[in-house]
Amino acid sequence: MPLPPLPDEAIAIGVRVPDWRAAVIAAGDALARSAATQPTYTQRMVDVIDEFGAYIVVAPGLALAHARPGPDVLAEGLSVVTLAEPVAFGHPHNDPVGVVVGLAVTSSDEHVQFVAELANVFNDARVIPAIAAATDAAAIRSLLGASAAAEELE
């Protein structure tokens, strides 16, 4: 299963944030801008970390922000935020985080499939630093193997 589309609206490069909450909010705002979610989904992503901790920091420098499927998820969506200065999420081994990927899915099955697909991409240790250093949306899409819009998938 290919990753959800990654339109320009879902990508933010060189964002300056004071802490992990603002980093997650930036990823959620990008999902909302791309029409994958309603703004309430962003707060649910923050709530997941408040409840369960920094387990979303899945590799050195990388956080995979997400929440359960819900009525505020309008379509499968992916967002990528690169941070001008990495921030700590509280993970004992993988902090600080410079890349936050937001994920929104409409079903639990899709969650498992998209996380597996992202894991395949990030198995290459060069991908996270390359995304962190990317200067445009096309480079980030290329590194992830994502498309710009749903129409390209047809």
N, C-alpha and C. Protein backbone atom coordinates (compact mmCIF):
# COMPACT_ATOMS: atom_id res chain seq x y z
N MET A 1 0.85 -1.18 0.00
CA MET A 1 0.00 0.00 0.00
C MET A 1 0.89 1.24 0.00
N PRO A 2 0.71 2.11 -0.98
CA PRO A 2 1.53 3.33 -1.01
C PRO A 2 1.15 4.27 0.12
N LEU A 3 2.07 5.16 0.45
CA LEU A 3 1.79 6.17 1.47
C LEU A 3 0.71 7.12 0.98
N PRO A 4 0.01 7.78 1.92
CA PRO A 4 -0.96 8.80 1.50
C PRO A 4 -0.25 9.91 0.73
N PRO A 5 -0.99 10.66 -0.07
CA PRO A 5 -0.37 11.79 -0.79
C PRO A 5 0.26 12.78 0.18
N LEU A 6 1.24 13.51 -0.32
CA LEU A 6 1.96 14.51 0.48
C LEU A 6 1.99 15.82 -0.31
N PRO A 7 0.86 16.54 -0.31
CA PRO A 7 0.82 17.81 -1.06
C PRO A 7 1.68 18.88 -0.38
N ASP A 8 1.96 19.93 -1.14
CA ASP A 8 2.78 21.03 -0.60
C ASP A 8 2.22 21.57 0.72
N GLU A 9 0.88 21.63 0.84
CA GLU A 9 0.25 22.16 2.06
C GLU A 9 0.59 21.34 3.30
N ALA A 10 1.00 20.08 3.09
CA ALA A 10 1.28 19.19 4.20
C ALA A 10 2.76 19.16 4.58
N ILE A 11 3.54 20.04 3.99
CA ILE A 11 4.98 20.09 4.25
C ILE A 11 5.35 21.47 4.78
N ALA A 12 6.11 21.49 5.87
CA ALA A 12 6.63 22.74 6.43
C ALA A 12 8.11 22.53 6.70
N ILE A 13 8.93 23.40 6.15
CA ILE A 13 10.39 23.25 6.21
C ILE A 13 11.00 24.35 7.07
N GLY A 14 11.91 23.94 7.98
CA GLY A 14 12.65 24.90 8.79
C GLY A 14 11.81 25.64 9.81
N VAL A 15 10.83 24.93 10.38
CA VAL A 15 9.92 25.55 11.35
C VAL A 15 10.64 25.75 12.68
N ARG A 16 10.43 26.90 13.27
CA ARG A 16 11.01 27.20 14.59
C ARG A 16 9.94 26.99 15.65
N VAL A 17 10.23 26.09 16.59
CA VAL A 17 9.29 25.79 17.68
C VAL A 17 10.04 25.77 19.00
N PRO A 18 9.34 26.11 20.10
CA PRO A 18 10.00 26.12 21.40
C PRO A 18 10.07 24.74 22.06
N ASP A 19 9.17 23.82 21.67
CA ASP A 19 9.11 22.53 22.37
C ASP A 19 8.38 21.49 21.52
N TRP A 20 8.29 20.27 22.07
CA TRP A 20 7.67 19.17 21.32
C TRP A 20 6.20 19.42 21.03
N ARG A 21 5.50 20.07 21.95
CA ARG A 21 4.07 20.35 21.71
C ARG A 21 3.89 21.19 20.45
N ALA A 22 4.68 22.23 20.33
CA ALA A 22 4.59 23.10 19.16
C ALA A 22 4.99 22.35 17.88
N ALA A 23 5.94 21.42 18.01
CA ALA A 23 6.34 20.62 16.85
C ALA A 23 5.18 19.73 16.39
N VAL A 24 4.50 19.10 17.33
CA VAL A 24 3.36 18.25 17.00
C VAL A 24 2.21 19.09 16.44
N ILE A 25 1.99 20.26 17.03
CA ILE A 25 0.95 21.15 16.52
C ILE A 25 1.26 21.56 15.08
N ALA A 26 2.52 21.81 14.77
CA ALA A 26 2.90 22.16 13.39
C ALA A 26 2.56 21.01 12.44
N ALA A 27 2.82 19.77 12.86
CA ALA A 27 2.49 18.61 12.02
C ALA A 27 0.98 18.47 11.86
N GLY A 28 0.24 18.71 12.94
CA GLY A 28 -1.23 18.65 12.87
C GLY A 28 -1.81 19.76 12.02
N ASP A 29 -1.25 20.95 12.14
CA ASP A 29 -1.71 22.07 11.31
C ASP A 29 -1.50 21.76 9.82
N ALA A 30 -0.39 21.10 9.50
CA ALA A 30 -0.11 20.73 8.11
C ALA A 30 -1.12 19.69 7.62
N LEU A 31 -1.50 18.75 8.48
CA LEU A 31 -2.54 17.78 8.10
C LEU A 31 -3.87 18.50 7.83
N ALA A 32 -4.21 19.45 8.68
CA ALA A 32 -5.46 20.20 8.50
C ALA A 32 -5.41 21.06 7.23
N ARG A 33 -4.27 21.70 6.97
CA ARG A 33 -4.13 22.51 5.74
C ARG A 33 -4.34 21.67 4.49
N SER A 34 -3.93 20.40 4.55
CA SER A 34 -4.05 19.52 3.39
C SER A 34 -5.44 18.88 3.29
N ALA A 35 -6.32 19.23 4.21
CA ALA A 35 -7.71 18.74 4.24
C ALA A 35 -7.83 17.27 4.62
N ALA A 36 -6.78 16.71 5.23
CA ALA A 36 -6.86 15.32 5.71
C ALA A 36 -7.59 15.24 7.04
N THR A 37 -7.47 16.30 7.85
CA THR A 37 -8.07 16.29 9.18
C THR A 37 -8.74 17.62 9.49
N GLN A 38 -9.55 17.58 10.53
CA GLN A 38 -10.06 18.81 11.11
C GLN A 38 -9.08 19.23 12.21
N PRO A 39 -9.09 20.50 12.60
CA PRO A 39 -8.13 20.97 13.60
C PRO A 39 -8.16 20.20 14.93
N THR A 40 -9.27 19.60 15.31
CA THR A 40 -9.33 18.87 16.57
C THR A 40 -8.39 17.67 16.60
N TYR A 41 -8.04 17.15 15.44
CA TYR A 41 -7.12 16.01 15.39
C TYR A 41 -5.75 16.39 15.96
N THR A 42 -5.35 17.63 15.74
CA THR A 42 -4.05 18.09 16.23
C THR A 42 -3.97 17.95 17.76
N GLN A 43 -5.00 18.38 18.45
CA GLN A 43 -5.00 18.27 19.91
C GLN A 43 -5.00 16.81 20.34
N ARG A 44 -5.68 15.96 19.59
CA ARG A 44 -5.67 14.53 19.94
C ARG A 44 -4.27 13.94 19.81
N MET A 45 -3.48 14.42 18.84
CA MET A 45 -2.10 13.94 18.71
C MET A 45 -1.28 14.36 19.93
N VAL A 46 -1.46 15.58 20.39
CA VAL A 46 -0.76 16.04 21.59
C VAL A 46 -1.19 15.22 22.80
N ASP A 47 -2.49 14.94 22.90
CA ASP A 47 -3.02 14.17 24.04
C ASP A 47 -2.41 12.77 24.10
N VAL A 48 -2.16 12.16 22.94
CA VAL A 48 -1.54 10.82 22.91
C VAL A 48 -0.18 10.85 23.61
N ILE A 49 0.60 11.88 23.33
CA ILE A 49 1.93 11.98 23.94
C ILE A 49 1.81 12.29 25.43
N ASP A 50 0.87 13.16 25.79
CA ASP A 50 0.64 13.44 27.21
C ASP A 50 0.30 12.14 27.96
N GLU A 51 -0.49 11.28 27.33
CA GLU A 51 -0.94 10.06 28.00
C GLU A 51 0.10 8.95 27.98
N PHE A 52 0.75 8.75 26.82
CA PHE A 52 1.61 7.57 26.66
C PHE A 52 3.10 7.87 26.59
N GLY A 53 3.47 9.13 26.55
CA GLY A 53 4.88 9.49 26.53
C GLY A 53 5.45 9.57 25.13
N ALA A 54 6.77 9.60 25.06
CA ALA A 54 7.48 9.89 23.82
C ALA A 54 7.71 8.66 22.94
N TYR A 55 6.84 7.65 23.05
CA TYR A 55 7.02 6.45 22.22
C TYR A 55 6.92 6.78 20.73
N ILE A 56 6.34 7.94 20.39
CA ILE A 56 6.22 8.32 18.98
C ILE A 56 7.57 8.72 18.38
N VAL A 57 8.59 8.87 19.20
CA VAL A 57 9.94 9.15 18.69
C VAL A 57 10.52 7.78 18.33
N VAL A 58 10.33 7.41 17.07
CA VAL A 58 10.54 6.03 16.63
C VAL A 58 11.95 5.74 16.13
N ALA A 59 12.74 6.78 15.92
CA ALA A 59 14.12 6.62 15.47
C ALA A 59 14.87 7.89 15.85
N PRO A 60 16.20 7.84 15.87
CA PRO A 60 16.94 9.06 16.21
C PRO A 60 16.53 10.23 15.31
N GLY A 61 16.02 11.30 15.95
CA GLY A 61 15.67 12.50 15.23
C GLY A 61 14.29 12.50 14.58
N LEU A 62 13.51 11.42 14.74
CA LEU A 62 12.23 11.29 14.05
C LEU A 62 11.07 11.00 14.99
N ALA A 63 10.01 11.82 14.90
CA ALA A 63 8.78 11.56 15.64
C ALA A 63 7.66 11.28 14.64
N LEU A 64 6.85 10.28 14.94
CA LEU A 64 5.69 9.93 14.12
C LEU A 64 4.43 10.27 14.93
N ALA A 65 3.95 11.50 14.72
CA ALA A 65 2.80 12.00 15.48
C ALA A 65 1.51 11.46 14.86
N HIS A 66 0.63 10.96 15.71
CA HIS A 66 -0.63 10.38 15.22
C HIS A 66 -1.60 10.24 16.38
N ALA A 67 -2.83 9.93 16.04
CA ALA A 67 -3.86 9.60 17.03
C ALA A 67 -4.74 8.54 16.38
N ARG A 68 -5.65 8.01 17.18
CA ARG A 68 -6.57 6.98 16.65
C ARG A 68 -7.46 7.57 15.56
N PRO A 69 -7.96 6.70 14.68
CA PRO A 69 -8.96 7.17 13.71
C PRO A 69 -10.16 7.77 14.46
N GLY A 70 -10.79 8.75 13.86
CA GLY A 70 -11.95 9.38 14.47
C GLY A 70 -12.67 10.23 13.46
N PRO A 71 -13.78 10.83 13.87
CA PRO A 71 -14.57 11.64 12.94
C PRO A 71 -13.85 12.89 12.45
N ASP A 72 -12.76 13.29 13.13
CA ASP A 72 -12.00 14.45 12.69
C ASP A 72 -10.93 14.11 11.65
N VAL A 73 -10.85 12.82 11.26
CA VAL A 73 -9.98 12.40 10.17
C VAL A 73 -10.86 12.32 8.92
N LEU A 74 -10.59 13.18 7.97
CA LEU A 74 -11.41 13.28 6.76
C LEU A 74 -10.91 12.37 5.65
N ALA A 75 -9.59 12.09 5.64
CA ALA A 75 -8.97 11.23 4.64
C ALA A 75 -7.61 10.81 5.17
N GLU A 76 -7.06 9.74 4.59
CA GLU A 76 -5.70 9.36 4.97
C GLU A 76 -4.80 10.55 4.65
N GLY A 77 -3.89 10.83 5.55
CA GLY A 77 -3.01 11.96 5.32
C GLY A 77 -1.65 11.80 5.95
N LEU A 78 -0.70 12.49 5.36
CA LEU A 78 0.67 12.49 5.83
C LEU A 78 1.13 13.94 5.83
N SER A 79 1.89 14.33 6.84
CA SER A 79 2.52 15.64 6.84
C SER A 79 3.97 15.47 7.27
N VAL A 80 4.81 16.39 6.85
CA VAL A 80 6.21 16.38 7.24
C VAL A 80 6.60 17.79 7.66
N VAL A 81 7.15 17.89 8.86
CA VAL A 81 7.66 19.17 9.37
C VAL A 81 9.12 18.97 9.72
N THR A 82 9.97 19.81 9.14
CA THR A 82 11.37 19.81 9.55
C THR A 82 11.58 21.01 10.46
N LEU A 83 12.36 20.81 11.49
CA LEU A 83 12.57 21.85 12.50
C LEU A 83 13.90 22.55 12.28
N ALA A 84 13.89 23.86 12.42
CA ALA A 84 15.13 24.64 12.29
C ALA A 84 16.12 24.23 13.38
N GLU A 85 15.61 23.99 14.57
CA GLU A 85 16.42 23.51 15.70
C GLU A 85 15.70 22.32 16.31
N PRO A 86 16.34 21.15 16.40
CA PRO A 86 15.68 19.98 16.99
C PRO A 86 15.23 20.25 18.43
N VAL A 87 14.16 19.56 18.84
CA VAL A 87 13.62 19.70 20.19
C VAL A 87 13.54 18.33 20.86
N ALA A 88 13.58 18.36 22.20
CA ALA A 88 13.47 17.13 22.98
C ALA A 88 12.01 16.76 23.20
N PHE A 89 11.72 15.49 23.04
CA PHE A 89 10.39 14.94 23.32
C PHE A 89 10.37 14.17 24.63
N GLY A 90 11.56 13.89 25.17
CA GLY A 90 11.65 13.10 26.39
C GLY A 90 11.94 11.64 26.13
N HIS A 91 12.41 11.31 24.94
CA HIS A 91 12.77 9.92 24.64
C HIS A 91 14.21 9.68 25.10
N PRO A 92 14.45 8.56 25.79
CA PRO A 92 15.79 8.34 26.36
C PRO A 92 16.91 8.12 25.34
N HIS A 93 16.58 7.71 24.10
CA HIS A 93 17.63 7.39 23.13
C HIS A 93 17.55 8.18 21.83
N ASN A 94 16.34 8.58 21.41
CA ASN A 94 16.16 9.13 20.07
C ASN A 94 16.00 10.65 20.00
N ASP A 95 16.05 11.34 21.15
CA ASP A 95 16.03 12.80 21.15
C ASP A 95 17.39 13.32 20.72
N PRO A 96 17.47 14.55 20.24
CA PRO A 96 16.37 15.46 19.92
C PRO A 96 15.78 15.14 18.56
N VAL A 97 14.58 15.66 18.31
CA VAL A 97 13.84 15.40 17.08
C VAL A 97 13.94 16.60 16.15
N GLY A 98 14.29 16.32 14.90
CA GLY A 98 14.37 17.36 13.88
C GLY A 98 13.35 17.20 12.77
N VAL A 99 12.71 16.00 12.72
CA VAL A 99 11.70 15.72 11.70
C VAL A 99 10.47 15.15 12.39
N VAL A 100 9.32 15.77 12.15
CA VAL A 100 8.06 15.27 12.68
C VAL A 100 7.17 14.90 11.50
N VAL A 101 6.78 13.63 11.46
CA VAL A 101 5.85 13.14 10.44
C VAL A 101 4.49 12.99 11.11
N GLY A 102 3.49 13.64 10.55
CA GLY A 102 2.12 13.49 11.04
C GLY A 102 1.41 12.46 10.21
N LEU A 103 0.63 11.61 10.86
CA LEU A 103 -0.10 10.56 10.15
C LEU A 103 -1.55 10.56 10.62
N ALA A 104 -2.46 10.57 9.66
CA ALA A 104 -3.89 10.47 9.95
C ALA A 104 -4.46 9.33 9.11
N VAL A 105 -5.19 8.44 9.76
CA VAL A 105 -5.79 7.31 9.05
C VAL A 105 -7.25 7.19 9.44
N THR A 106 -8.02 6.56 8.56
CA THR A 106 -9.45 6.40 8.81
C THR A 106 -9.79 5.05 9.43
N SER A 107 -8.80 4.13 9.48
CA SER A 107 -9.06 2.83 10.10
C SER A 107 -7.78 2.30 10.74
N SER A 108 -7.94 1.41 11.71
CA SER A 108 -6.78 0.82 12.38
C SER A 108 -5.94 0.00 11.43
N ASP A 109 -6.57 -0.67 10.46
CA ASP A 109 -5.81 -1.46 9.48
C ASP A 109 -4.88 -0.57 8.68
N GLU A 110 -5.38 0.59 8.26
CA GLU A 110 -4.54 1.53 7.52
C GLU A 110 -3.38 2.00 8.37
N HIS A 111 -3.62 2.22 9.65
CA HIS A 111 -2.55 2.66 10.56
C HIS A 111 -1.39 1.68 10.50
N VAL A 112 -1.69 0.41 10.66
CA VAL A 112 -0.65 -0.62 10.66
C VAL A 112 0.08 -0.64 9.32
N GLN A 113 -0.67 -0.56 8.23
CA GLN A 113 -0.05 -0.61 6.90
C GLN A 113 0.84 0.59 6.64
N PHE A 114 0.37 1.80 6.99
CA PHE A 114 1.17 3.00 6.73
C PHE A 114 2.39 3.07 7.63
N VAL A 115 2.25 2.64 8.87
CA VAL A 115 3.42 2.62 9.77
C VAL A 115 4.47 1.64 9.24
N ALA A 116 4.02 0.50 8.75
CA ALA A 116 4.95 -0.48 8.17
C ALA A 116 5.66 0.11 6.95
N GLU A 117 4.90 0.81 6.11
CA GLU A 117 5.49 1.43 4.91
C GLU A 117 6.50 2.50 5.31
N LEU A 118 6.17 3.32 6.29
CA LEU A 118 7.12 4.33 6.78
C LEU A 118 8.36 3.68 7.39
N ALA A 119 8.16 2.57 8.11
CA ALA A 119 9.30 1.87 8.70
C ALA A 119 10.26 1.40 7.61
N ASN A 120 9.71 0.93 6.49
CA ASN A 120 10.57 0.52 5.38
C ASN A 120 11.40 1.69 4.86
N VAL A 121 10.78 2.85 4.74
CA VAL A 121 11.49 4.04 4.26
C VAL A 121 12.59 4.42 5.24
N PHE A 122 12.26 4.43 6.53
CA PHE A 122 13.21 4.91 7.53
C PHE A 122 14.21 3.85 7.98
N ASN A 123 14.13 2.65 7.44
CA ASN A 123 15.16 1.64 7.70
C ASN A 123 16.51 2.10 7.16
N ASP A 124 16.49 2.94 6.15
CA ASP A 124 17.72 3.52 5.61
C ASP A 124 18.10 4.70 6.51
N ALA A 125 19.17 4.55 7.24
CA ALA A 125 19.57 5.56 8.23
C ALA A 125 19.87 6.92 7.60
N ARG A 126 20.06 6.97 6.29
CA ARG A 126 20.38 8.24 5.63
C ARG A 126 19.14 9.10 5.39
N VAL A 127 17.95 8.50 5.46
CA VAL A 127 16.73 9.21 5.08
C VAL A 127 16.39 10.34 6.06
N ILE A 128 16.45 10.08 7.35
CA ILE A 128 16.05 11.11 8.33
C ILE A 128 16.92 12.36 8.22
N PRO A 129 18.27 12.23 8.21
CA PRO A 129 19.08 13.44 8.05
C PRO A 129 18.85 14.12 6.69
N ALA A 130 18.57 13.34 5.66
CA ALA A 130 18.32 13.93 4.34
C ALA A 130 17.02 14.74 4.35
N ILE A 131 15.98 14.22 5.00
CA ILE A 131 14.73 14.97 5.11
C ILE A 131 14.96 16.23 5.94
N ALA A 132 15.68 16.09 7.04
CA ALA A 132 15.96 17.24 7.91
C ALA A 132 16.68 18.34 7.15
N ALA A 133 17.52 17.97 6.18
CA ALA A 133 18.30 18.94 5.42
C ALA A 133 17.61 19.41 4.15
N ALA A 134 16.49 18.81 3.79
CA ALA A 134 15.80 19.14 2.53
C ALA A 134 15.37 20.60 2.54
N THR A 135 15.44 21.21 1.37
CA THR A 135 15.07 22.62 1.25
C THR A 135 13.79 22.83 0.45
N ASP A 136 13.21 21.76 -0.08
CA ASP A 136 11.95 21.92 -0.80
C ASP A 136 11.09 20.66 -0.68
N ALA A 137 9.80 20.86 -0.97
CA ALA A 137 8.82 19.78 -0.82
C ALA A 137 9.11 18.61 -1.75
N ALA A 138 9.57 18.90 -2.96
CA ALA A 138 9.84 17.83 -3.92
C ALA A 138 10.92 16.87 -3.40
N ALA A 139 11.92 17.41 -2.74
CA ALA A 139 12.99 16.57 -2.19
C ALA A 139 12.44 15.66 -1.09
N ILE A 140 11.58 16.20 -0.26
CA ILE A 140 11.00 15.40 0.83
C ILE A 140 10.11 14.30 0.24
N ARG A 141 9.28 14.64 -0.73
CA ARG A 141 8.43 13.62 -1.37
C ARG A 141 9.28 12.53 -1.99
N SER A 142 10.35 12.92 -2.64
CA SER A 142 11.23 11.95 -3.30
C SER A 142 11.85 10.99 -2.27
N LEU A 143 12.30 11.53 -1.17
CA LEU A 143 12.91 10.70 -0.13
C LEU A 143 11.91 9.70 0.47
N LEU A 144 10.65 10.13 0.58
CA LEU A 144 9.62 9.26 1.15
C LEU A 144 8.96 8.36 0.11
N GLY A 145 9.20 8.65 -1.17
CA GLY A 145 8.52 7.90 -2.21
C GLY A 145 7.03 8.23 -2.25
N ALA A 146 6.67 9.44 -1.83
CA ALA A 146 5.26 9.86 -1.76
C ALA A 146 4.89 10.66 -3.00
N SER A 147 3.60 10.73 -3.27
CA SER A 147 3.11 11.54 -4.38
C SER A 147 2.63 12.89 -3.85
N ALA A 148 2.49 13.84 -4.76
CA ALA A 148 2.04 15.17 -4.37
C ALA A 148 0.55 15.23 -4.13
N ALA A 149 -0.21 14.48 -4.92
CA ALA A 149 -1.68 14.55 -4.82
C ALA A 149 -2.29 13.22 -5.18
N ALA A 150 -3.51 13.01 -4.73
CA ALA A 150 -4.21 11.75 -4.96
C ALA A 150 -4.34 11.46 -6.46
N GLU A 151 -4.51 12.51 -7.28
CA GLU A 151 -4.69 12.30 -8.72
C GLU A 151 -3.50 11.56 -9.33
N GLU A 152 -2.32 11.77 -8.77
CA GLU A 152 -1.13 11.13 -9.31
C GLU A 152 -1.15 9.63 -9.08
N LEU A 153 -1.95 9.16 -8.15
CA LEU A 153 -2.00 7.73 -7.84
C LEU A 153 -2.85 6.97 -8.85
N GLU A 154 -3.67 7.68 -9.60
CA GLU A 154 -4.59 7.00 -10.51
C GLU A 154 -3.93 6.65 -11.82
